[in-house]
Amino acid sequence: MIPEFNKDGNLPEGAYQANENEFFNRFCTSSARRKWLSEDLLV
């Protein structure tokens, strides 16, 4: 599980486990550029 970002917009220190769906939902859907950049990760 990926925790929420802190007040500075960063993840708290640590190592996190996440499945593919959780990762993409958190980091690859907030903008068209992020969606475009993440396309190579799906290959």
N, C-alpha and C. Protein backbone atom coordinates (compact mmCIF):
# COMPACT_ATOMS: atom_id res chain seq x y z
N MET A 1 0.85 -1.18 0.00
CA MET A 1 0.00 0.00 0.00
C MET A 1 0.89 1.24 0.00
N ILE A 2 0.55 2.18 -0.82
CA ILE A 2 1.30 3.44 -0.90
C ILE A 2 0.60 4.46 -0.01
N PRO A 3 1.32 5.05 0.96
CA PRO A 3 0.68 6.02 1.85
C PRO A 3 0.41 7.35 1.14
N GLU A 4 -0.33 8.20 1.79
CA GLU A 4 -0.62 9.52 1.25
C GLU A 4 0.65 10.37 1.26
N PHE A 5 0.69 11.37 0.39
CA PHE A 5 1.79 12.31 0.38
C PHE A 5 1.74 13.18 1.63
N ASN A 6 2.90 13.64 2.08
CA ASN A 6 2.92 14.52 3.25
C ASN A 6 2.62 15.95 2.83
N LYS A 7 2.69 16.89 3.76
CA LYS A 7 2.33 18.29 3.47
C LYS A 7 3.24 18.93 2.43
N ASP A 8 4.44 18.37 2.22
CA ASP A 8 5.37 18.89 1.22
C ASP A 8 5.17 18.24 -0.15
N GLY A 9 4.24 17.31 -0.25
CA GLY A 9 3.98 16.63 -1.50
C GLY A 9 4.86 15.44 -1.77
N ASN A 10 5.51 14.93 -0.73
CA ASN A 10 6.39 13.77 -0.86
C ASN A 10 5.81 12.58 -0.13
N LEU A 11 6.26 11.40 -0.52
CA LEU A 11 5.91 10.21 0.26
C LEU A 11 6.76 10.20 1.51
N PRO A 12 6.24 9.67 2.61
CA PRO A 12 7.07 9.51 3.80
C PRO A 12 8.22 8.56 3.47
N GLU A 13 9.33 8.71 4.19
CA GLU A 13 10.48 7.83 3.97
C GLU A 13 10.08 6.38 4.17
N GLY A 14 10.64 5.51 3.34
CA GLY A 14 10.39 4.10 3.51
C GLY A 14 10.30 3.39 2.18
N ALA A 15 10.16 2.10 2.25
CA ALA A 15 9.97 1.26 1.07
C ALA A 15 8.53 0.75 1.11
N TYR A 16 7.87 0.77 -0.02
CA TYR A 16 6.47 0.40 -0.07
C TYR A 16 6.25 -0.65 -1.14
N GLN A 17 5.34 -1.54 -0.90
CA GLN A 17 4.94 -2.51 -1.89
C GLN A 17 3.60 -2.09 -2.45
N ALA A 18 3.47 -2.22 -3.77
CA ALA A 18 2.21 -1.89 -4.42
C ALA A 18 2.05 -2.78 -5.63
N ASN A 19 0.82 -3.15 -5.93
CA ASN A 19 0.62 -3.90 -7.15
C ASN A 19 0.59 -2.92 -8.32
N GLU A 20 0.56 -3.47 -9.52
CA GLU A 20 0.62 -2.64 -10.72
C GLU A 20 -0.53 -1.63 -10.78
N ASN A 21 -1.73 -2.06 -10.46
CA ASN A 21 -2.88 -1.15 -10.51
C ASN A 21 -2.74 0.00 -9.54
N GLU A 22 -2.31 -0.29 -8.33
CA GLU A 22 -2.15 0.76 -7.33
C GLU A 22 -1.09 1.77 -7.78
N PHE A 23 0.02 1.27 -8.31
CA PHE A 23 1.08 2.16 -8.79
C PHE A 23 0.57 3.08 -9.90
N PHE A 24 -0.08 2.50 -10.91
CA PHE A 24 -0.56 3.31 -12.03
C PHE A 24 -1.64 4.30 -11.60
N ASN A 25 -2.53 3.88 -10.73
CA ASN A 25 -3.57 4.81 -10.26
C ASN A 25 -2.99 5.99 -9.49
N ARG A 26 -1.92 5.76 -8.76
CA ARG A 26 -1.34 6.82 -7.94
C ARG A 26 -0.43 7.76 -8.74
N PHE A 27 0.39 7.19 -9.62
CA PHE A 27 1.45 7.97 -10.25
C PHE A 27 1.29 8.22 -11.74
N CYS A 28 0.36 7.58 -12.40
CA CYS A 28 0.32 7.65 -13.87
C CYS A 28 -0.98 8.16 -14.45
N THR A 29 -1.83 8.77 -13.64
CA THR A 29 -3.13 9.19 -14.17
C THR A 29 -3.44 10.67 -13.94
N SER A 30 -2.54 11.40 -13.30
CA SER A 30 -2.88 12.77 -12.92
C SER A 30 -2.75 13.77 -14.06
N SER A 31 -2.08 13.40 -15.15
CA SER A 31 -1.95 14.33 -16.28
C SER A 31 -1.74 13.54 -17.56
N ALA A 32 -1.97 14.21 -18.68
CA ALA A 32 -1.76 13.56 -19.98
C ALA A 32 -0.30 13.18 -20.15
N ARG A 33 0.61 14.00 -19.67
CA ARG A 33 2.04 13.69 -19.79
C ARG A 33 2.40 12.43 -19.00
N ARG A 34 1.89 12.31 -17.79
CA ARG A 34 2.18 11.12 -17.00
C ARG A 34 1.60 9.87 -17.65
N LYS A 35 0.40 9.98 -18.22
CA LYS A 35 -0.19 8.85 -18.93
C LYS A 35 0.70 8.46 -20.11
N TRP A 36 1.16 9.46 -20.86
CA TRP A 36 2.02 9.21 -22.01
C TRP A 36 3.33 8.56 -21.58
N LEU A 37 3.97 9.08 -20.53
CA LEU A 37 5.23 8.53 -20.06
C LEU A 37 5.08 7.11 -19.55
N SER A 38 3.95 6.79 -18.97
CA SER A 38 3.76 5.46 -18.38
C SER A 38 3.45 4.39 -19.41
N GLU A 39 3.16 4.77 -20.63
CA GLU A 39 2.84 3.78 -21.66
C GLU A 39 3.97 2.77 -21.86
N ASP A 40 5.22 3.20 -21.75
CA ASP A 40 6.34 2.28 -21.92
C ASP A 40 6.45 1.28 -20.78
N LEU A 41 5.89 1.58 -19.64
CA LEU A 41 5.95 0.65 -18.52
C LEU A 41 5.02 -0.55 -18.73
N LEU A 42 4.03 -0.37 -19.57
CA LEU A 42 3.07 -1.44 -19.80
C LEU A 42 3.55 -2.48 -20.80
N VAL A 43 4.63 -2.20 -21.49
CA VAL A 43 5.15 -3.11 -22.53
C VAL A 43 5.90 -4.25 -21.93
